[in-house]
Amino acid sequence: MASEELLKHQKEMAYKRRVYAQARAIIQRGRNAGIPDKYLRIGKKDFTELLCPKYHGDINKFADTVYNTPDRLFKRSFIVIDGGDMYSRKKAGFAILFRMIACDKYGKYFDCAQLASEFQTIKFSGGDNRNDLIKEVKQEGILFLNEFHKKKFSAHLGDSGGFFDQLLEFRDDYSKPTIITFTNPLQKGVENRGNALTDDRCGQYLAMLSRSDMKKNENVLRIKVI
């Protein structure tokens, strides 16, 4: 009997060590993705409190889908987040990114303004150029682009939108999920009286995503926060 109890104890300890090692590996992948420690491990309760009930209806049911069946997140090429303020949008984006990373995946966070600026820079000091950068970014398993705003794209250097199209088209074609937060609330309805882009200065894909609530797109998951 004693040997059976010892064997059971050893199995339990081995299981706990595996769980602990797995948790540490997920945390490290989150940090490598660029998630600050304060945004690591955002729980379902905190995520639920970010959601806009007027938009999502049953926010608990929506949060259950994200946290209990995260494989559904990988069936959409784009996860678009708007509403709230820059903190709630960023927190929701990091919550989604971390939940997806926990599915044994890798990802990366980028500030949209910084990436747009680098796409407008022909040569970097280290010797790489924007073509090298786009090759690297488009291969990320999960990509989080934070705080898109059309004013972050220079009107004098219009090719940045083309680089974003190359990036997002590749990721769309190869089913690599991209999370994007929009600084301005997205327009809802059939008429554009708000913030939907009416030109392709920022690229066709970002213009299309800015109209996510005007035309239903099964390839886009919409999240609105408060």
C-alpha atoms as a PDB file:
ATOM      1  CA  MET A   1       0.000   0.000   0.000  1.00  0.00           C
ATOM      2  CA  ALA A   2       2.819   2.381   0.903  1.00  0.00           C
ATOM      3  CA  SER A   3       4.495   1.799  -2.445  1.00  0.00           C
ATOM      4  CA  GLU A   4       1.217   2.542  -4.265  1.00  0.00           C
ATOM      5  CA  GLU A   5       0.831   5.828  -2.375  1.00  0.00           C
ATOM      6  CA  LEU A   6       4.441   6.728  -3.150  1.00  0.00           C
ATOM      7  CA  LEU A   7       3.913   5.984  -6.838  1.00  0.00           C
ATOM      8  CA  LYS A   8       0.742   8.117  -6.858  1.00  0.00           C
ATOM      9  CA  HIS A   9       2.607  10.947  -5.135  1.00  0.00           C
ATOM     10  CA  GLN A  10       5.445  10.760  -7.657  1.00  0.00           C
ATOM     11  CA  LYS A  11       2.999  10.895 -10.559  1.00  0.00           C
ATOM     12  CA  GLU A  12       1.251  13.925  -9.039  1.00  0.00           C
ATOM     13  CA  MET A  13       4.573  15.725  -8.509  1.00  0.00           C
ATOM     14  CA  ALA A  14       5.691  14.924 -12.070  1.00  0.00           C
ATOM     15  CA  TYR A  15       2.397  16.300 -13.399  1.00  0.00           C
ATOM     16  CA  LYS A  16       2.758  19.500 -11.354  1.00  0.00           C
ATOM     17  CA  ARG A  17       6.320  19.962 -12.649  1.00  0.00           C
ATOM     18  CA  ARG A  18       5.128  19.576 -16.245  1.00  0.00           C
ATOM     19  CA  VAL A  19       2.314  22.097 -15.708  1.00  0.00           C
ATOM     20  CA  TYR A  20       4.715  24.552 -14.058  1.00  0.00           C
ATOM     21  CA  ALA A  21       7.280  24.175 -16.858  1.00  0.00           C
ATOM     22  CA  GLN A  22       4.585  24.663 -19.486  1.00  0.00           C
ATOM     23  CA  ALA A  23       3.299  27.806 -17.727  1.00  0.00           C
ATOM     24  CA  ARG A  24       6.834  29.229 -17.556  1.00  0.00           C
ATOM     25  CA  ALA A  25       7.345  28.535 -21.263  1.00  0.00           C
ATOM     26  CA  ILE A  26       4.092  30.344 -22.162  1.00  0.00           C
ATOM     27  CA  ILE A  27       5.050  33.330 -20.008  1.00  0.00           C
ATOM     28  CA  GLN A  28       8.441  33.494 -21.719  1.00  0.00           C
ATOM     29  CA  ARG A  29       6.849  33.338 -25.168  1.00  0.00           C
ATOM     30  CA  GLY A  30       4.592  36.206 -24.104  1.00  0.00           C
ATOM     31  CA  ARG A  31       7.579  38.302 -23.040  1.00  0.00           C
ATOM     32  CA  ASN A  32       9.430  37.440 -26.252  1.00  0.00           C
ATOM     33  CA  ALA A  33       6.355  38.620 -28.165  1.00  0.00           C
ATOM     34  CA  GLY A  34       6.718  42.041 -26.558  1.00  0.00           C
ATOM     35  CA  ILE A  35       3.935  41.786 -23.967  1.00  0.00           C
ATOM     36  CA  PRO A  36       4.834  43.861 -20.866  1.00  0.00           C
ATOM     37  CA  ASP A  37       4.577  42.002 -17.561  1.00  0.00           C
ATOM     38  CA  LYS A  38       1.560  44.081 -16.471  1.00  0.00           C
ATOM     39  CA  TYR A  39      -0.416  42.722 -19.448  1.00  0.00           C
ATOM     40  CA  LEU A  40       0.620  39.074 -19.090  1.00  0.00           C
ATOM     41  CA  ARG A  41      -2.019  36.556 -17.973  1.00  0.00           C
ATOM     42  CA  ILE A  42      -5.094  38.790 -18.268  1.00  0.00           C
ATOM     43  CA  GLY A  43      -7.873  36.579 -16.953  1.00  0.00           C
ATOM     44  CA  LYS A  44     -11.329  36.007 -18.395  1.00  0.00           C
ATOM     45  CA  LYS A  45     -12.972  38.210 -15.760  1.00  0.00           C
ATOM     46  CA  ASP A  46     -10.752  41.209 -16.573  1.00  0.00           C
ATOM     47  CA  PHE A  47     -11.244  40.665 -20.303  1.00  0.00           C
ATOM     48  CA  THR A  48     -15.021  40.440 -19.903  1.00  0.00           C
ATOM     49  CA  GLU A  49     -15.091  43.783 -18.087  1.00  0.00           C
ATOM     50  CA  LEU A  50     -13.425  45.406 -21.107  1.00  0.00           C
ATOM     51  CA  LEU A  51     -16.166  44.364 -23.538  1.00  0.00           C
ATOM     52  CA  CYS A  52     -18.933  46.684 -24.699  1.00  0.00           C
ATOM     53  CA  PRO A  53     -22.302  45.036 -23.802  1.00  0.00           C
ATOM     54  CA  LYS A  54     -24.230  47.212 -26.273  1.00  0.00           C
ATOM     55  CA  TYR A  55     -22.152  45.814 -29.110  1.00  0.00           C
ATOM     56  CA  HIS A  56     -21.565  42.210 -27.998  1.00  0.00           C
ATOM     57  CA  GLY A  57     -24.774  41.554 -26.094  1.00  0.00           C
ATOM     58  CA  ASP A  58     -23.871  38.656 -23.799  1.00  0.00           C
ATOM     59  CA  ILE A  59     -20.295  39.639 -22.944  1.00  0.00           C
ATOM     60  CA  ASN A  60     -19.830  36.577 -20.722  1.00  0.00           C
ATOM     61  CA  LYS A  61     -20.673  34.264 -23.613  1.00  0.00           C
ATOM     62  CA  PHE A  62     -18.267  36.118 -25.915  1.00  0.00           C
ATOM     63  CA  ALA A  63     -15.464  35.926 -23.319  1.00  0.00           C
ATOM     64  CA  ASP A  64     -16.176  32.193 -22.835  1.00  0.00           C
ATOM     65  CA  THR A  65     -15.637  31.671 -26.555  1.00  0.00           C
ATOM     66  CA  VAL A  66     -12.281  33.460 -26.435  1.00  0.00           C
ATOM     67  CA  TYR A  67     -10.975  31.706 -23.331  1.00  0.00           C
ATOM     68  CA  ASN A  68     -12.615  28.272 -23.533  1.00  0.00           C
ATOM     69  CA  THR A  69     -12.400  27.636 -27.297  1.00  0.00           C
ATOM     70  CA  PRO A  70      -9.422  29.748 -28.446  1.00  0.00           C
ATOM     71  CA  ASP A  71      -8.978  27.583 -31.550  1.00  0.00           C
ATOM     72  CA  ARG A  72     -11.798  29.657 -33.074  1.00  0.00           C
ATOM     73  CA  LEU A  73      -9.548  32.708 -32.990  1.00  0.00           C
ATOM     74  CA  PHE A  74      -7.257  31.051 -35.520  1.00  0.00           C
ATOM     75  CA  LYS A  75     -10.102  30.698 -38.031  1.00  0.00           C
ATOM     76  CA  ARG A  76     -10.112  34.463 -38.700  1.00  0.00           C
ATOM     77  CA  SER A  77      -7.318  36.301 -40.483  1.00  0.00           C
ATOM     78  CA  PHE A  78      -8.063  39.557 -38.660  1.00  0.00           C
ATOM     79  CA  ILE A  79      -9.132  40.466 -35.142  1.00  0.00           C
ATOM     80  CA  VAL A  80     -10.142  44.138 -35.100  1.00  0.00           C
ATOM     81  CA  ILE A  81     -10.465  46.022 -31.801  1.00  0.00           C
ATOM     82  CA  ASP A  82     -11.872  49.529 -31.326  1.00  0.00           C
ATOM     83  CA  GLY A  83     -13.728  51.668 -28.793  1.00  0.00           C
ATOM     84  CA  GLY A  84     -12.703  52.585 -25.256  1.00  0.00           C
ATOM     85  CA  ASP A  85      -9.377  54.331 -24.761  1.00  0.00           C
ATOM     86  CA  MET A  86      -5.809  53.394 -25.657  1.00  0.00           C
ATOM     87  CA  TYR A  87      -5.405  51.420 -22.424  1.00  0.00           C
ATOM     88  CA  SER A  88      -8.515  49.268 -22.814  1.00  0.00           C
ATOM     89  CA  ARG A  89      -7.742  48.596 -26.488  1.00  0.00           C
ATOM     90  CA  LYS A  90      -4.158  47.631 -25.707  1.00  0.00           C
ATOM     91  CA  LYS A  91      -5.216  45.459 -22.772  1.00  0.00           C
ATOM     92  CA  ALA A  92      -7.771  43.622 -24.919  1.00  0.00           C
ATOM     93  CA  GLY A  93      -5.213  43.154 -27.689  1.00  0.00           C
ATOM     94  CA  PHE A  94      -2.616  41.735 -25.324  1.00  0.00           C
ATOM     95  CA  ALA A  95      -5.247  39.467 -23.733  1.00  0.00           C
ATOM     96  CA  ILE A  96      -6.078  38.013 -27.156  1.00  0.00           C
ATOM     97  CA  LEU A  97      -2.403  37.725 -28.141  1.00  0.00           C
ATOM     98  CA  PHE A  98      -1.492  35.911 -24.928  1.00  0.00           C
ATOM     99  CA  ARG A  99      -4.490  33.573 -25.153  1.00  0.00           C
ATOM    100  CA  MET A 100      -3.413  32.595 -28.658  1.00  0.00           C
ATOM    101  CA  ILE A 101       0.237  32.207 -27.636  1.00  0.00           C
ATOM    102  CA  ALA A 102      -0.920  29.822 -24.903  1.00  0.00           C
ATOM    103  CA  CYS A 103      -2.050  27.487 -27.720  1.00  0.00           C
ATOM    104  CA  ASP A 104       1.618  26.613 -28.281  1.00  0.00           C
ATOM    105  CA  LYS A 105       2.078  29.469 -30.776  1.00  0.00           C
ATOM    106  CA  TYR A 106       4.438  32.421 -31.182  1.00  0.00           C
ATOM    107  CA  GLY A 107       3.617  36.050 -31.845  1.00  0.00           C
ATOM    108  CA  LYS A 108       4.933  39.617 -31.925  1.00  0.00           C
ATOM    109  CA  TYR A 109       3.708  43.059 -30.886  1.00  0.00           C
ATOM    110  CA  PHE A 110       4.362  46.189 -32.982  1.00  0.00           C
ATOM    111  CA  ASP A 111       3.296  49.781 -32.563  1.00  0.00           C
ATOM    112  CA  CYS A 112       1.546  50.660 -35.824  1.00  0.00           C
ATOM    113  CA  ALA A 113       3.070  54.148 -36.032  1.00  0.00           C
ATOM    114  CA  GLN A 114       6.569  52.758 -35.569  1.00  0.00           C
ATOM    115  CA  LEU A 115       6.057  50.100 -38.230  1.00  0.00           C
ATOM    116  CA  ALA A 116       4.587  52.648 -40.671  1.00  0.00           C
ATOM    117  CA  SER A 117       7.599  54.898 -40.069  1.00  0.00           C
ATOM    118  CA  GLU A 118      10.032  52.042 -40.703  1.00  0.00           C
ATOM    119  CA  PHE A 119       8.195  51.108 -43.893  1.00  0.00           C
ATOM    120  CA  GLN A 120       8.788  54.707 -45.007  1.00  0.00           C
ATOM    121  CA  THR A 121      12.522  54.438 -44.270  1.00  0.00           C
ATOM    122  CA  ILE A 122      14.458  53.075 -47.218  1.00  0.00           C
ATOM    123  CA  LYS A 123      17.588  52.000 -45.316  1.00  0.00           C
ATOM    124  CA  PHE A 124      18.184  51.287 -41.639  1.00  0.00           C
ATOM    125  CA  SER A 125      21.446  52.016 -39.841  1.00  0.00           C
ATOM    126  CA  GLY A 126      22.085  48.300 -39.268  1.00  0.00           C
ATOM    127  CA  GLY A 127      22.174  47.604 -43.009  1.00  0.00           C
ATOM    128  CA  ASP A 128      18.743  45.995 -43.342  1.00  0.00           C
ATOM    129  CA  ASN A 129      16.032  47.693 -45.362  1.00  0.00           C
ATOM    130  CA  ARG A 130      12.251  47.738 -45.290  1.00  0.00           C
ATOM    131  CA  ASN A 131      12.053  44.730 -47.601  1.00  0.00           C
ATOM    132  CA  ASP A 132      13.997  42.725 -45.014  1.00  0.00           C
ATOM    133  CA  LEU A 133      11.669  43.999 -42.305  1.00  0.00           C
ATOM    134  CA  ILE A 134       8.492  43.022 -44.130  1.00  0.00           C
ATOM    135  CA  LYS A 135       9.872  39.514 -44.800  1.00  0.00           C
ATOM    136  CA  GLU A 136      10.443  39.116 -41.081  1.00  0.00           C
ATOM    137  CA  VAL A 137       7.136  40.563 -39.873  1.00  0.00           C
ATOM    138  CA  LYS A 138       4.884  38.707 -42.305  1.00  0.00           C
ATOM    139  CA  GLN A 139       6.189  35.345 -41.060  1.00  0.00           C
ATOM    140  CA  GLU A 140       5.178  35.950 -37.431  1.00  0.00           C
ATOM    141  CA  GLY A 141       2.725  33.332 -36.199  1.00  0.00           C
ATOM    142  CA  ILE A 142       0.450  35.948 -34.601  1.00  0.00           C
ATOM    143  CA  LEU A 143       0.902  39.674 -35.179  1.00  0.00           C
ATOM    144  CA  PHE A 144      -0.465  42.465 -32.978  1.00  0.00           C
ATOM    145  CA  LEU A 145      -0.498  45.942 -34.577  1.00  0.00           C
ATOM    146  CA  ASN A 146      -1.451  48.507 -31.968  1.00  0.00           C
ATOM    147  CA  GLU A 147      -3.196  51.871 -32.535  1.00  0.00           C
ATOM    148  CA  PHE A 148      -3.738  52.296 -36.249  1.00  0.00           C
ATOM    149  CA  HIS A 149      -4.588  55.863 -37.275  1.00  0.00           C
ATOM    150  CA  LYS A 150      -4.392  57.315 -40.772  1.00  0.00           C
ATOM    151  CA  LYS A 151      -2.480  60.364 -39.495  1.00  0.00           C
ATOM    152  CA  LYS A 152       0.450  58.072 -38.721  1.00  0.00           C
ATOM    153  CA  PHE A 153       0.950  57.584 -42.463  1.00  0.00           C
ATOM    154  CA  SER A 154       2.847  60.340 -44.236  1.00  0.00           C
ATOM    155  CA  ALA A 155       0.976  61.938 -47.134  1.00  0.00           C
ATOM    156  CA  HIS A 156       4.342  62.584 -48.809  1.00  0.00           C
ATOM    157  CA  LEU A 157       5.532  58.972 -48.590  1.00  0.00           C
ATOM    158  CA  GLY A 158       2.550  57.056 -49.859  1.00  0.00           C
ATOM    159  CA  ASP A 159       4.318  53.738 -50.427  1.00  0.00           C
ATOM    160  CA  SER A 160       3.942  52.766 -46.759  1.00  0.00           C
ATOM    161  CA  GLY A 161       0.356  51.697 -47.493  1.00  0.00           C
ATOM    162  CA  GLY A 162       1.662  49.398 -50.214  1.00  0.00           C
ATOM    163  CA  PHE A 163       4.001  47.722 -47.767  1.00  0.00           C
ATOM    164  CA  PHE A 164       1.113  47.167 -45.344  1.00  0.00           C
ATOM    165  CA  ASP A 165      -0.849  45.597 -48.196  1.00  0.00           C
ATOM    166  CA  GLN A 166       2.038  43.226 -48.910  1.00  0.00           C
ATOM    167  CA  LEU A 167       2.189  42.324 -45.246  1.00  0.00           C
ATOM    168  CA  LEU A 168      -1.537  41.848 -44.650  1.00  0.00           C
ATOM    169  CA  GLU A 169      -2.237  40.108 -47.954  1.00  0.00           C
ATOM    170  CA  PHE A 170       0.452  37.511 -47.237  1.00  0.00           C
ATOM    171  CA  ARG A 171      -0.843  36.923 -43.745  1.00  0.00           C
ATOM    172  CA  ASP A 172      -4.414  36.677 -45.023  1.00  0.00           C
ATOM    173  CA  ASP A 173      -3.440  34.226 -47.771  1.00  0.00           C
ATOM    174  CA  TYR A 174      -1.519  31.971 -45.378  1.00  0.00           C
ATOM    175  CA  SER A 175      -4.032  32.205 -42.500  1.00  0.00           C
ATOM    176  CA  LYS A 176      -1.707  33.959 -40.071  1.00  0.00           C
ATOM    177  CA  PRO A 177      -3.898  35.889 -37.600  1.00  0.00           C
ATOM    178  CA  THR A 178      -3.358  39.639 -37.236  1.00  0.00           C
ATOM    179  CA  ILE A 179      -4.742  41.648 -34.308  1.00  0.00           C
ATOM    180  CA  ILE A 180      -5.252  45.365 -35.026  1.00  0.00           C
ATOM    181  CA  THR A 181      -6.506  48.085 -32.703  1.00  0.00           C
ATOM    182  CA  PHE A 182      -8.030  51.213 -34.232  1.00  0.00           C
ATOM    183  CA  THR A 183      -7.549  54.543 -32.456  1.00  0.00           C
ATOM    184  CA  ASN A 184     -10.869  55.932 -33.716  1.00  0.00           C
ATOM    185  CA  PRO A 185     -14.174  54.072 -33.233  1.00  0.00           C
ATOM    186  CA  LEU A 186     -15.214  52.249 -36.385  1.00  0.00           C
ATOM    187  CA  GLN A 187     -18.274  53.351 -38.303  1.00  0.00           C
ATOM    188  CA  LYS A 188     -21.343  51.153 -38.004  1.00  0.00           C
ATOM    189  CA  GLY A 189     -24.075  50.972 -40.631  1.00  0.00           C
ATOM    190  CA  VAL A 190     -24.191  51.224 -44.390  1.00  0.00           C
ATOM    191  CA  GLU A 191     -23.256  54.899 -44.718  1.00  0.00           C
ATOM    192  CA  ASN A 192     -19.826  56.262 -43.946  1.00  0.00           C
ATOM    193  CA  ARG A 193     -20.349  59.256 -41.711  1.00  0.00           C
ATOM    194  CA  GLY A 194     -17.486  58.434 -39.419  1.00  0.00           C
ATOM    195  CA  ASN A 195     -13.950  57.067 -39.492  1.00  0.00           C
ATOM    196  CA  ALA A 196     -13.999  54.490 -42.283  1.00  0.00           C
ATOM    197  CA  LEU A 197     -11.213  55.195 -44.779  1.00  0.00           C
ATOM    198  CA  THR A 198     -12.361  56.373 -48.179  1.00  0.00           C
ATOM    199  CA  ASP A 199      -8.980  56.104 -49.937  1.00  0.00           C
ATOM    200  CA  ASP A 200      -6.085  53.647 -50.020  1.00  0.00           C
ATOM    201  CA  ARG A 201      -3.340  55.953 -48.718  1.00  0.00           C
ATOM    202  CA  CYS A 202      -2.858  53.465 -45.868  1.00  0.00           C
ATOM    203  CA  GLY A 203      -3.363  50.480 -48.150  1.00  0.00           C
ATOM    204  CA  GLN A 204      -6.422  48.582 -49.347  1.00  0.00           C
ATOM    205  CA  TYR A 205      -6.426  46.127 -46.447  1.00  0.00           C
ATOM    206  CA  LEU A 206      -6.475  48.748 -43.694  1.00  0.00           C
ATOM    207  CA  ALA A 207      -9.178  50.628 -45.585  1.00  0.00           C
ATOM    208  CA  MET A 208     -11.220  47.425 -45.800  1.00  0.00           C
ATOM    209  CA  LEU A 209     -10.743  46.692 -42.091  1.00  0.00           C
ATOM    210  CA  SER A 210     -11.821  50.232 -41.181  1.00  0.00           C
ATOM    211  CA  ARG A 211     -15.197  49.351 -42.746  1.00  0.00           C
ATOM    212  CA  SER A 212     -15.584  46.100 -40.772  1.00  0.00           C
ATOM    213  CA  ASP A 213     -18.900  47.197 -39.281  1.00  0.00           C
ATOM    214  CA  MET A 214     -20.278  48.538 -42.559  1.00  0.00           C
ATOM    215  CA  LYS A 215     -19.938  45.285 -44.478  1.00  0.00           C
ATOM    216  CA  LYS A 216     -20.011  41.896 -42.769  1.00  0.00           C
ATOM    217  CA  ASN A 217     -16.808  39.968 -43.324  1.00  0.00           C
ATOM    218  CA  GLU A 218     -16.536  36.377 -42.071  1.00  0.00           C
ATOM    219  CA  ASN A 219     -12.748  36.705 -42.144  1.00  0.00           C
ATOM    220  CA  VAL A 220     -12.812  39.404 -39.438  1.00  0.00           C
ATOM    221  CA  LEU A 221     -13.566  39.028 -35.722  1.00  0.00           C
ATOM    222  CA  ARG A 222     -14.766  42.307 -34.229  1.00  0.00           C
ATOM    223  CA  ILE A 223     -14.160  43.284 -30.631  1.00  0.00           C
ATOM    224  CA  LYS A 224     -15.448  46.552 -29.183  1.00  0.00           C
ATOM    225  CA  VAL A 225     -14.296  47.701 -25.751  1.00  0.00           C
ATOM    226  CA  ILE A 226     -15.436  50.367 -23.310  1.00  0.00           C
END
